[in-house]
Amino acid sequence: MTLKVFQCTQCGMTLFPARYFCPACGGGQWSECAVEHGSVAESTVVRHRVGAQGGGDVHLASVTTSAGPIVIARLAASMQPGDSVSLDVDDTGRIVGRAV
């Protein structure tokens, strides 16, 4: 599934997740924009999750999308700031980043 961000039809501000009103102009009309790529801004590893049985490490990153908004994506492996990723949404609704 493709990741969608939302662009205000009045002022063009692009945000994620969707909002009721644009924080820049107060507009309430949005258009959906598909985003397929981004670059890693920050990354971290979650080593322990409460209630997870033997889940292993989870790699997460703040990714600046090609449209501008920053999203938090799950990664298959550790990545460095500046690395390019493709973005997708998996069957459970998680944003997933894959090395390009």
PDB file of N, CA and C in Angstrom:
ATOM      1  N   MET A   1       0.843  -1.165   0.000  1.00  0.00           N
ATOM      2  CA  MET A   1       0.000   0.000   0.000  1.00  0.00           C
ATOM      3  C   MET A   1       0.899   1.241   0.000  1.00  0.00           C
ATOM      4  N   THR A   2       0.493   2.267  -0.698  1.00  0.00           N
ATOM      5  CA  THR A   2       1.278   3.484  -0.819  1.00  0.00           C
ATOM      6  C   THR A   2       1.021   4.421   0.356  1.00  0.00           C
ATOM      7  N   LEU A   3       2.083   5.050   0.849  1.00  0.00           N
ATOM      8  CA  LEU A   3       1.961   6.044   1.914  1.00  0.00           C
ATOM      9  C   LEU A   3       1.359   7.318   1.333  1.00  0.00           C
ATOM     10  N   LYS A   4       0.370   7.880   2.026  1.00  0.00           N
ATOM     11  CA  LYS A   4      -0.276   9.122   1.584  1.00  0.00           C
ATOM     12  C   LYS A   4      -0.013  10.218   2.612  1.00  0.00           C
ATOM     13  N   VAL A   5       0.351  11.405   2.120  1.00  0.00           N
ATOM     14  CA  VAL A   5       0.433  12.603   2.945  1.00  0.00           C
ATOM     15  C   VAL A   5      -0.658  13.544   2.459  1.00  0.00           C
ATOM     16  N   PHE A   6      -0.881  14.621   3.174  1.00  0.00           N
ATOM     17  CA  PHE A   6      -2.041  15.463   2.904  1.00  0.00           C
ATOM     18  C   PHE A   6      -1.609  16.904   2.675  1.00  0.00           C
ATOM     19  N   GLN A   7      -2.072  17.477   1.550  1.00  0.00           N
ATOM     20  CA  GLN A   7      -1.697  18.836   1.170  1.00  0.00           C
ATOM     21  C   GLN A   7      -2.917  19.740   1.235  1.00  0.00           C
ATOM     22  N   CYS A   8      -2.781  20.867   1.938  1.00  0.00           N
ATOM     23  CA  CYS A   8      -3.863  21.839   2.050  1.00  0.00           C
ATOM     24  C   CYS A   8      -4.136  22.433   0.666  1.00  0.00           C
ATOM     25  N   THR A   9      -5.403  22.451   0.264  1.00  0.00           N
ATOM     26  CA  THR A   9      -5.739  22.981  -1.059  1.00  0.00           C
ATOM     27  C   THR A   9      -5.707  24.503  -1.087  1.00  0.00           C
ATOM     28  N   GLN A  10      -5.705  25.165   0.088  1.00  0.00           N
ATOM     29  CA  GLN A  10      -5.659  26.627   0.124  1.00  0.00           C
ATOM     30  C   GLN A  10      -4.238  27.166   0.065  1.00  0.00           C
ATOM     31  N   CYS A  11      -3.338  26.619   0.906  1.00  0.00           N
ATOM     32  CA  CYS A  11      -1.995  27.205   0.994  1.00  0.00           C
ATOM     33  C   CYS A  11      -0.881  26.264   0.525  1.00  0.00           C
ATOM     34  N   GLY A  12      -1.194  24.983   0.337  1.00  0.00           N
ATOM     35  CA  GLY A  12      -0.198  24.032  -0.152  1.00  0.00           C
ATOM     36  C   GLY A  12       0.647  23.364   0.919  1.00  0.00           C
ATOM     37  N   MET A  13       0.408  23.677   2.200  1.00  0.00           N
ATOM     38  CA  MET A  13       1.169  23.029   3.271  1.00  0.00           C
ATOM     39  C   MET A  13       0.900  21.524   3.247  1.00  0.00           C
ATOM     40  N   THR A  14       1.966  20.732   3.360  1.00  0.00           N
ATOM     41  CA  THR A  14       1.838  19.280   3.320  1.00  0.00           C
ATOM     42  C   THR A  14       2.138  18.712   4.697  1.00  0.00           C
ATOM     43  N   LEU A  15       1.238  17.835   5.194  1.00  0.00           N
ATOM     44  CA  LEU A  15       1.335  17.305   6.555  1.00  0.00           C
ATOM     45  C   LEU A  15       1.082  15.809   6.598  1.00  0.00           C
ATOM     46  N   PHE A  16       1.539  15.201   7.666  1.00  0.00           N
ATOM     47  CA  PHE A  16       1.198  13.829   8.007  1.00  0.00           C
ATOM     48  C   PHE A  16       1.262  13.721   9.515  1.00  0.00           C
ATOM     49  N   PRO A  17       0.261  13.132  10.154  1.00  0.00           N
ATOM     50  CA  PRO A  17      -0.972  12.581   9.606  1.00  0.00           C
ATOM     51  C   PRO A  17      -1.962  13.682   9.247  1.00  0.00           C
ATOM     52  N   ALA A  18      -3.139  13.276   8.762  1.00  0.00           N
ATOM     53  CA  ALA A  18      -4.176  14.225   8.353  1.00  0.00           C
ATOM     54  C   ALA A  18      -4.636  15.053   9.550  1.00  0.00           C
ATOM     55  N   ARG A  19      -5.050  16.278   9.285  1.00  0.00           N
ATOM     56  CA  ARG A  19      -5.569  17.177  10.314  1.00  0.00           C
ATOM     57  C   ARG A  19      -6.962  17.636   9.897  1.00  0.00           C
ATOM     58  N   TYR A  20      -7.739  18.114  10.860  1.00  0.00           N
ATOM     59  CA  TYR A  20      -9.042  18.693  10.528  1.00  0.00           C
ATOM     60  C   TYR A  20      -8.860  20.046   9.858  1.00  0.00           C
ATOM     61  N   PHE A  21      -7.934  20.853  10.406  1.00  0.00           N
ATOM     62  CA  PHE A  21      -7.693  22.190   9.879  1.00  0.00           C
ATOM     63  C   PHE A  21      -6.200  22.404   9.673  1.00  0.00           C
ATOM     64  N   CYS A  22      -5.863  23.177   8.656  1.00  0.00           N
ATOM     65  CA  CYS A  22      -4.472  23.499   8.360  1.00  0.00           C
ATOM     66  C   CYS A  22      -3.942  24.456   9.433  1.00  0.00           C
ATOM     67  N   PRO A  23      -2.797  24.153  10.054  1.00  0.00           N
ATOM     68  CA  PRO A  23      -2.252  25.049  11.069  1.00  0.00           C
ATOM     69  C   PRO A  23      -1.702  26.353  10.485  1.00  0.00           C
ATOM     70  N   ALA A  24      -1.459  26.393   9.179  1.00  0.00           N
ATOM     71  CA  ALA A  24      -0.914  27.595   8.554  1.00  0.00           C
ATOM     72  C   ALA A  24      -1.997  28.592   8.152  1.00  0.00           C
ATOM     73  N   CYS A  25      -3.112  28.095   7.575  1.00  0.00           N
ATOM     74  CA  CYS A  25      -4.119  29.018   7.033  1.00  0.00           C
ATOM     75  C   CYS A  25      -5.526  28.780   7.571  1.00  0.00           C
ATOM     76  N   GLY A  26      -5.740  27.682   8.292  1.00  0.00           N
ATOM     77  CA  GLY A  26      -7.064  27.372   8.824  1.00  0.00           C
ATOM     78  C   GLY A  26      -7.966  26.637   7.851  1.00  0.00           C
ATOM     79  N   GLY A  27      -7.468  26.346   6.657  1.00  0.00           N
ATOM     80  CA  GLY A  27      -8.260  25.635   5.656  1.00  0.00           C
ATOM     81  C   GLY A  27      -8.618  24.231   6.112  1.00  0.00           C
ATOM     82  N   GLY A  28      -9.695  23.703   5.563  1.00  0.00           N
ATOM     83  CA  GLY A  28     -10.148  22.375   5.954  1.00  0.00           C
ATOM     84  C   GLY A  28     -10.256  21.402   4.801  1.00  0.00           C
ATOM     85  N   GLN A  29      -9.766  21.772   3.634  1.00  0.00           N
ATOM     86  CA  GLN A  29      -9.815  20.894   2.463  1.00  0.00           C
ATOM     87  C   GLN A  29      -8.413  20.376   2.172  1.00  0.00           C
ATOM     88  N   TRP A  30      -8.310  19.059   1.975  1.00  0.00           N
ATOM     89  CA  TRP A  30      -7.018  18.423   1.770  1.00  0.00           C
ATOM     90  C   TRP A  30      -7.031  17.563   0.516  1.00  0.00           C
ATOM     91  N   SER A  31      -5.887  17.475  -0.143  1.00  0.00           N
ATOM     92  CA  SER A  31      -5.734  16.514  -1.233  1.00  0.00           C
ATOM     93  C   SER A  31      -4.669  15.505  -0.802  1.00  0.00           C
ATOM     94  N   GLU A  32      -4.881  14.245  -1.173  1.00  0.00           N
ATOM     95  CA  GLU A  32      -3.926  13.190  -0.834  1.00  0.00           C
ATOM     96  C   GLU A  32      -2.808  13.165  -1.863  1.00  0.00           C
ATOM     97  N   CYS A  33      -1.581  12.996  -1.382  1.00  0.00           N
ATOM     98  CA  CYS A  33      -0.416  12.891  -2.255  1.00  0.00           C
ATOM     99  C   CYS A  33       0.330  11.607  -1.904  1.00  0.00           C
ATOM    100  N   ALA A  34       0.611  10.797  -2.894  1.00  0.00           N
ATOM    101  CA  ALA A  34       1.368   9.565  -2.670  1.00  0.00           C
ATOM    102  C   ALA A  34       2.844   9.903  -2.487  1.00  0.00           C
ATOM    103  N   VAL A  35       3.485   9.232  -1.532  1.00  0.00           N
ATOM    104  CA  VAL A  35       4.913   9.425  -1.265  1.00  0.00           C
ATOM    105  C   VAL A  35       5.587   8.064  -1.343  1.00  0.00           C
ATOM    106  N   GLU A  36       6.647   7.982  -2.129  1.00  0.00           N
ATOM    107  CA  GLU A  36       7.330   6.701  -2.300  1.00  0.00           C
ATOM    108  C   GLU A  36       8.751   6.689  -1.771  1.00  0.00           C
ATOM    109  N   HIS A  37       9.350   7.881  -1.551  1.00  0.00           N
ATOM    110  CA  HIS A  37      10.757   7.942  -1.153  1.00  0.00           C
ATOM    111  C   HIS A  37      10.973   8.962  -0.045  1.00  0.00           C
ATOM    112  N   GLY A  38      12.107   8.813   0.624  1.00  0.00           N
ATOM    113  CA  GLY A  38      12.510   9.756   1.650  1.00  0.00           C
ATOM    114  C   GLY A  38      13.948   9.504   2.042  1.00  0.00           C
ATOM    115  N   SER A  39      14.428  10.280   3.026  1.00  0.00           N
ATOM    116  CA  SER A  39      15.782  10.066   3.532  1.00  0.00           C
ATOM    117  C   SER A  39      15.745  10.028   5.057  1.00  0.00           C
ATOM    118  N   VAL A  40      16.584   9.186   5.620  1.00  0.00           N
ATOM    119  CA  VAL A  40      16.630   8.998   7.067  1.00  0.00           C
ATOM    120  C   VAL A  40      17.171  10.266   7.719  1.00  0.00           C
ATOM    121  N   ALA A  41      16.430  10.787   8.699  1.00  0.00           N
ATOM    122  CA  ALA A  41      16.889  11.945   9.465  1.00  0.00           C
ATOM    123  C   ALA A  41      17.551  11.483  10.766  1.00  0.00           C
ATOM    124  N   GLU A  42      16.925  10.555  11.458  1.00  0.00           N
ATOM    125  CA  GLU A  42      17.419   9.982  12.718  1.00  0.00           C
ATOM    126  C   GLU A  42      17.017   8.515  12.748  1.00  0.00           C
ATOM    127  N   SER A  43      17.776   7.702  13.468  1.00  0.00           N
ATOM    128  CA  SER A  43      17.374   6.301  13.613  1.00  0.00           C
ATOM    129  C   SER A  43      17.685   5.811  15.021  1.00  0.00           C
ATOM    130  N   THR A  44      16.980   4.765  15.430  1.00  0.00           N
ATOM    131  CA  THR A  44      17.171   4.179  16.753  1.00  0.00           C
ATOM    132  C   THR A  44      16.814   2.698  16.695  1.00  0.00           C
ATOM    133  N   VAL A  45      17.139   1.989  17.759  1.00  0.00           N
ATOM    134  CA  VAL A  45      16.818   0.569  17.863  1.00  0.00           C
ATOM    135  C   VAL A  45      16.072   0.344  19.172  1.00  0.00           C
ATOM    136  N   VAL A  46      14.928  -0.327  19.099  1.00  0.00           N
ATOM    137  CA  VAL A  46      14.193  -0.739  20.294  1.00  0.00           C
ATOM    138  C   VAL A  46      14.616  -2.172  20.584  1.00  0.00           C
ATOM    139  N   ARG A  47      15.244  -2.369  21.731  1.00  0.00           N
ATOM    140  CA  ARG A  47      15.791  -3.689  22.059  1.00  0.00           C
ATOM    141  C   ARG A  47      14.866  -4.531  22.924  1.00  0.00           C
ATOM    142  N   HIS A  48      13.942  -3.895  23.622  1.00  0.00           N
ATOM    143  CA  HIS A  48      13.029  -4.647  24.488  1.00  0.00           C
ATOM    144  C   HIS A  48      11.652  -4.019  24.410  1.00  0.00           C
ATOM    145  N   ARG A  49      10.652  -4.847  24.184  1.00  0.00           N
ATOM    146  CA  ARG A  49       9.261  -4.385  24.157  1.00  0.00           C
ATOM    147  C   ARG A  49       8.477  -5.180  25.181  1.00  0.00           C
ATOM    148  N   VAL A  50       7.764  -4.486  26.051  1.00  0.00           N
ATOM    149  CA  VAL A  50       6.967  -5.139  27.080  1.00  0.00           C
ATOM    150  C   VAL A  50       5.929  -6.037  26.414  1.00  0.00           C
ATOM    151  N   GLY A  51       5.877  -7.283  26.844  1.00  0.00           N
ATOM    152  CA  GLY A  51       4.895  -8.223  26.322  1.00  0.00           C
ATOM    153  C   GLY A  51       5.299  -8.932  25.047  1.00  0.00           C
ATOM    154  N   ALA A  52       6.395  -8.517  24.427  1.00  0.00           N
ATOM    155  CA  ALA A  52       6.848  -9.173  23.193  1.00  0.00           C
ATOM    156  C   ALA A  52       7.729 -10.360  23.562  1.00  0.00           C
ATOM    157  N   GLN A  53       7.362 -11.513  23.120  1.00  0.00           N
ATOM    158  CA  GLN A  53       8.114 -12.729  23.415  1.00  0.00           C
ATOM    159  C   GLN A  53       9.144 -12.976  22.319  1.00  0.00           C
ATOM    160  N   GLY A  54      10.409 -12.750  22.626  1.00  0.00           N
ATOM    161  CA  GLY A  54      11.480 -13.034  21.672  1.00  0.00           C
ATOM    162  C   GLY A  54      11.343 -12.286  20.362  1.00  0.00           C
ATOM    163  N   GLY A  55      10.862 -11.064  20.418  1.00  0.00           N
ATOM    164  CA  GLY A  55      10.630 -10.296  19.207  1.00  0.00           C
ATOM    165  C   GLY A  55      11.883  -9.800  18.523  1.00  0.00           C
ATOM    166  N   GLY A  56      12.983  -9.695  19.247  1.00  0.00           N
ATOM    167  CA  GLY A  56      14.212  -9.186  18.656  1.00  0.00           C
ATOM    168  C   GLY A  56      14.189  -7.676  18.520  1.00  0.00           C
ATOM    169  N   ASP A  57      15.267  -7.140  17.973  1.00  0.00           N
ATOM    170  CA  ASP A  57      15.407  -5.695  17.818  1.00  0.00           C
ATOM    171  C   ASP A  57      14.443  -5.151  16.769  1.00  0.00           C
ATOM    172  N   VAL A  58      13.970  -3.933  17.002  1.00  0.00           N
ATOM    173  CA  VAL A  58      13.128  -3.231  16.034  1.00  0.00           C
ATOM    174  C   VAL A  58      13.855  -1.945  15.654  1.00  0.00           C
ATOM    175  N   HIS A  59      14.156  -1.785  14.380  1.00  0.00           N
ATOM    176  CA  HIS A  59      14.844  -0.596  13.884  1.00  0.00           C
ATOM    177  C   HIS A  59      13.802   0.418  13.431  1.00  0.00           C
ATOM    178  N   LEU A  60      13.893   1.637  13.977  1.00  0.00           N
ATOM    179  CA  LEU A  60      12.968   2.713  13.635  1.00  0.00           C
ATOM    180  C   LEU A  60      13.750   3.920  13.153  1.00  0.00           C
ATOM    181  N   ALA A  61      13.111   4.727  12.301  1.00  0.00           N
ATOM    182  CA  ALA A  61      13.764   5.940  11.820  1.00  0.00           C
ATOM    183  C   ALA A  61      12.744   7.042  11.590  1.00  0.00           C
ATOM    184  N   SER A  62      13.173   8.272  11.858  1.00  0.00           N
ATOM    185  CA  SER A  62      12.421   9.440  11.409  1.00  0.00           C
ATOM    186  C   SER A  62      12.874   9.676   9.978  1.00  0.00           C
ATOM    187  N   VAL A  63      11.927   9.652   9.054  1.00  0.00           N
ATOM    188  CA  VAL A  63      12.244   9.772   7.630  1.00  0.00           C
ATOM    189  C   VAL A  63      11.597  11.036   7.083  1.00  0.00           C
ATOM    190  N   THR A  64      12.403  11.897   6.474  1.00  0.00           N
ATOM    191  CA  THR A  64      11.879  13.079   5.802  1.00  0.00           C
ATOM    192  C   THR A  64      11.422  12.640   4.420  1.00  0.00           C
ATOM    193  N   THR A  65      10.120  12.714   4.171  1.00  0.00           N
ATOM    194  CA  THR A  65       9.575  12.255   2.892  1.00  0.00           C
ATOM    195  C   THR A  65       9.931  13.220   1.774  1.00  0.00           C
ATOM    196  N   SER A  66       9.834  12.746   0.548  1.00  0.00           N
ATOM    197  CA  SER A  66      10.113  13.595  -0.611  1.00  0.00           C
ATOM    198  C   SER A  66       9.123  14.755  -0.711  1.00  0.00           C
ATOM    199  N   ALA A  67       7.952  14.630  -0.065  1.00  0.00           N
ATOM    200  CA  ALA A  67       6.954  15.703  -0.060  1.00  0.00           C
ATOM    201  C   ALA A  67       7.158  16.679   1.097  1.00  0.00           C
ATOM    202  N   GLY A  68       8.039  16.328   2.050  1.00  0.00           N
ATOM    203  CA  GLY A  68       8.328  17.232   3.151  1.00  0.00           C
ATOM    204  C   GLY A  68       8.043  16.731   4.553  1.00  0.00           C
ATOM    205  N   PRO A  69       6.852  16.171   4.830  1.00  0.00           N
ATOM    206  CA  PRO A  69       6.565  15.738   6.195  1.00  0.00           C
ATOM    207  C   PRO A  69       7.511  14.638   6.682  1.00  0.00           C
ATOM    208  N   ILE A  70       7.732  14.612   7.989  1.00  0.00           N
ATOM    209  CA  ILE A  70       8.548  13.575   8.606  1.00  0.00           C
ATOM    210  C   ILE A  70       7.626  12.491   9.147  1.00  0.00           C
ATOM    211  N   VAL A  71       7.959  11.237   8.856  1.00  0.00           N
ATOM    212  CA  VAL A  71       7.195  10.086   9.353  1.00  0.00           C
ATOM    213  C   VAL A  71       8.145   9.156  10.096  1.00  0.00           C
ATOM    214  N   ILE A  72       7.599   8.337  10.984  1.00  0.00           N
ATOM    215  CA  ILE A  72       8.394   7.319  11.662  1.00  0.00           C
ATOM    216  C   ILE A  72       8.152   5.999  10.943  1.00  0.00           C
ATOM    217  N   ALA A  73       9.243   5.390  10.480  1.00  0.00           N
ATOM    218  CA  ALA A  73       9.145   4.157   9.693  1.00  0.00           C
ATOM    219  C   ALA A  73       9.919   3.033  10.358  1.00  0.00           C
ATOM    220  N   ARG A  74       9.420   1.828  10.175  1.00  0.00           N
ATOM    221  CA  ARG A  74      10.119   0.628  10.632  1.00  0.00           C
ATOM    222  C   ARG A  74      11.086   0.209   9.527  1.00  0.00           C
ATOM    223  N   LEU A  75      12.305  -0.155   9.913  1.00  0.00           N
ATOM    224  CA  LEU A  75      13.334  -0.561   8.959  1.00  0.00           C
ATOM    225  C   LEU A  75      13.702  -2.020   9.181  1.00  0.00           C
ATOM    226  N   ALA A  76      14.222  -2.672   8.148  1.00  0.00           N
ATOM    227  CA  ALA A  76      14.666  -4.062   8.267  1.00  0.00           C
ATOM    228  C   ALA A  76      16.005  -4.147   8.989  1.00  0.00           C
ATOM    229  N   ALA A  77      16.816  -3.101   8.872  1.00  0.00           N
ATOM    230  CA  ALA A  77      18.145  -3.081   9.488  1.00  0.00           C
ATOM    231  C   ALA A  77      18.505  -1.640   9.827  1.00  0.00           C
ATOM    232  N   SER A  78      19.573  -1.477  10.558  1.00  0.00           N
ATOM    233  CA  SER A  78      20.030  -0.147  10.944  1.00  0.00           C
ATOM    234  C   SER A  78      20.430   0.662   9.712  1.00  0.00           C
ATOM    235  N   MET A  79      20.108   1.952   9.732  1.00  0.00           N
ATOM    236  CA  MET A  79      20.489   2.850   8.640  1.00  0.00           C
ATOM    237  C   MET A  79      21.040   4.132   9.234  1.00  0.00           C
ATOM    238  N   GLN A  80      21.784   4.869   8.441  1.00  0.00           N
ATOM    239  CA  GLN A  80      22.428   6.098   8.882  1.00  0.00           C
ATOM    240  C   GLN A  80      21.671   7.323   8.371  1.00  0.00           C
ATOM    241  N   PRO A  81      21.773   8.456   9.089  1.00  0.00           N
ATOM    242  CA  PRO A  81      21.164   9.689   8.586  1.00  0.00           C
ATOM    243  C   PRO A  81      21.657  10.000   7.173  1.00  0.00           C
ATOM    244  N   GLY A  82      20.724  10.376   6.316  1.00  0.00           N
ATOM    245  CA  GLY A  82      21.039  10.675   4.926  1.00  0.00           C
ATOM    246  C   GLY A  82      20.796   9.520   3.975  1.00  0.00           C
ATOM    247  N   ASP A  83      20.675   8.301   4.496  1.00  0.00           N
ATOM    248  CA  ASP A  83      20.403   7.146   3.637  1.00  0.00           C
ATOM    249  C   ASP A  83      19.031   7.282   2.980  1.00  0.00           C
ATOM    250  N   SER A  84      18.935   6.904   1.718  1.00  0.00           N
ATOM    251  CA  SER A  84      17.666   6.955   0.987  1.00  0.00           C
ATOM    252  C   SER A  84      16.863   5.690   1.235  1.00  0.00           C
ATOM    253  N   VAL A  85      15.546   5.856   1.366  1.00  0.00           N
ATOM    254  CA  VAL A  85      14.655   4.716   1.575  1.00  0.00           C
ATOM    255  C   VAL A  85      13.433   4.845   0.681  1.00  0.00           C
ATOM    256  N   SER A  86      12.867   3.694   0.320  1.00  0.00           N
ATOM    257  CA  SER A  86      11.547   3.689  -0.305  1.00  0.00           C
ATOM    258  C   SER A  86      10.551   3.504   0.831  1.00  0.00           C
ATOM    259  N   LEU A  87       9.386   4.113   0.719  1.00  0.00           N
ATOM    260  CA  LEU A  87       8.379   4.063   1.780  1.00  0.00           C
ATOM    261  C   LEU A  87       7.138   3.343   1.296  1.00  0.00           C
ATOM    262  N   ASP A  88       6.560   2.565   2.191  1.00  0.00           N
ATOM    263  CA  ASP A  88       5.377   1.780   1.893  1.00  0.00           C
ATOM    264  C   ASP A  88       4.595   1.601   3.186  1.00  0.00           C
ATOM    265  N   VAL A  89       3.356   1.157   3.089  1.00  0.00           N
ATOM    266  CA  VAL A  89       2.544   0.828   4.257  1.00  0.00           C
ATOM    267  C   VAL A  89       2.231  -0.659   4.170  1.00  0.00           C
ATOM    268  N   ASP A  90       2.549  -1.410   5.248  1.00  0.00           N
ATOM    269  CA  ASP A  90       2.319  -2.859   5.208  1.00  0.00           C
ATOM    270  C   ASP A  90       0.868  -3.209   5.542  1.00  0.00           C
ATOM    271  N   ASP A  91       0.568  -4.497   5.565  1.00  0.00           N
ATOM    272  CA  ASP A  91      -0.801  -4.978   5.786  1.00  0.00           C
ATOM    273  C   ASP A  91      -1.359  -4.618   7.156  1.00  0.00           C
ATOM    274  N   THR A  92      -0.471  -4.357   8.130  1.00  0.00           N
ATOM    275  CA  THR A  92      -0.933  -3.995   9.472  1.00  0.00           C
ATOM    276  C   THR A  92      -1.013  -2.488   9.673  1.00  0.00           C
ATOM    277  N   GLY A  93      -0.698  -1.697   8.621  1.00  0.00           N
ATOM    278  CA  GLY A  93      -0.789  -0.240   8.702  1.00  0.00           C
ATOM    279  C   GLY A  93       0.491   0.448   9.139  1.00  0.00           C
ATOM    280  N   ARG A  94       1.583  -0.311   9.298  1.00  0.00           N
ATOM    281  CA  ARG A  94       2.861   0.290   9.685  1.00  0.00           C
ATOM    282  C   ARG A  94       3.552   0.880   8.461  1.00  0.00           C
ATOM    283  N   ILE A  95       4.211   2.015   8.667  1.00  0.00           N
ATOM    284  CA  ILE A  95       5.039   2.599   7.612  1.00  0.00           C
ATOM    285  C   ILE A  95       6.369   1.859   7.631  1.00  0.00           C
ATOM    286  N   VAL A  96       6.786   1.380   6.470  1.00  0.00           N
ATOM    287  CA  VAL A  96       8.000   0.581   6.349  1.00  0.00           C
ATOM    288  C   VAL A  96       8.951   1.275   5.389  1.00  0.00           C
ATOM    289  N   GLY A  97      10.212   1.392   5.802  1.00  0.00           N
ATOM    290  CA  GLY A  97      11.248   1.954   4.943  1.00  0.00           C
ATOM    291  C   GLY A  97      12.199   0.863   4.505  1.00  0.00           C
ATOM    292  N   ARG A  98      12.561   0.883   3.223  1.00  0.00           N
ATOM    293  CA  ARG A  98      13.500  -0.106   2.682  1.00  0.00           C
ATOM    294  C   ARG A  98      14.636   0.630   1.986  1.00  0.00           C
ATOM    295  N   ALA A  99      15.853   0.139   2.185  1.00  0.00           N
ATOM    296  CA  ALA A  99      17.023   0.761   1.566  1.00  0.00           C
ATOM    297  C   ALA A  99      16.865   0.793   0.055  1.00  0.00           C
ATOM    298  N   VAL A 100      17.279   1.903  -0.526  1.00  0.00           N
ATOM    299  CA  VAL A 100      17.207   2.049  -1.987  1.00  0.00           C
ATOM    300  C   VAL A 100      18.565   1.743  -2.570  1.00  0.00           C
TER     301      VAL A 100
END
